Amino acid sequence: MAELYRVFESETEIKGLPMLAMLSGFTDSGQTISQLSEHLFAHLDNELLVRFSNDELLDYRSRRPLLYFEKDHIDSYEPPVLGLYLVYDEAGSPFLLLEGYEPDFKWDAFAEAVGDLVDRFEVSSMTWVHSIPFPIPHTRPVGITVSGNRADLVDRYSEWKPQTQVPGNVIHLLEYRLGKTGLTTTGFVLLVPHYLADNEVPAAALSGLELMTAATGLVFPTDEIRERAAKFAQKVNAQLEENVELAKLVATLEQSYSSGSGPSRSPIGKPQTAPPSADEIAEELEKYLANMSKDEPTAE
């Protein structure tokens, strides 16, 4: 497996840490994964421990790396990074973070390589997050589906428990393979309102941080994302007040779900009436959301 990755030296003794995994390339509704990655790297100390080989795993023609042109020459080249990082939470507790792109090639070899690293660093658990669009109104908390082998977290948080075939992604493969070895695994799929899925939804990122804390006990900074989530909700609600037809559509979607006091006690039920389609809602709402950034007041 050496050809798939390179391990860098670290002054820290790395044994028995939890591992978080956030890979882009499958779905990222509400830009949840990109928000979480940017937030963690911006606010927490980190160092790269393992870098996977782009030449082995990446399809450059589908995800072209960035080159920066400076007047008459190429100034820099920034290929994407798929890596395993050592990160310290707000309390100074270390953890591992598998972050970057979902491999285009060699999924089995990649899963085996991650398994080797899990053994090498004696990883204590793996927790992953991603997000999908779902017909849930923004008036409810972001929905959650939980997978893995921690029954306590499934019972506490999982609102939607489908029995169906799903498109494969490498994170699910890692959960399956590592779970077979007896490693504690937990996957959180965030259910983002489908009519907001193309926008940056801070509430989804906030939910992701809170769930990772619930699974690992790690402490993450949340004030900035919490503030952005409140502002985003105000903007969406203001747009609803200006459009009666749109408000009716969202109200219909809200009424199609069972009532309850919160996500941990209110499972998403089967709609009593057919909810409006994604196109019906999105056609009205997206024309407002597309201009939301333009209406953002300038910083004082």
Foldseek 3Di string as FASTA:
>chain_A
DCLFKDFDDDPDQFAAAAEEEQADDPAAFLVQSVVLVVQQVVPWDKDFGMWTDCVAFPDCVVPPWDWDDDPDGTDDTDGWTFTKMWIAAPVRDTHIYGYTHFTPDDLVVVLVVVVVVCVVRVYQAYEYEHEDEDLAFPVAQWAKAKDWDDVVCRLQFHQDDDDDDDDDGSVVVNRVVVVVVVHGYMYIYTHHHLLRRVHNQLSSNLVVQVVVCVVRVGHHDCPVSVVVNVVVVVQLVVLCVVDVVLVVLSVQSNQQFDDDDHRRTGHGDGGPDDHDDSCVNNVPRVVSVVCPVVVDDDDD
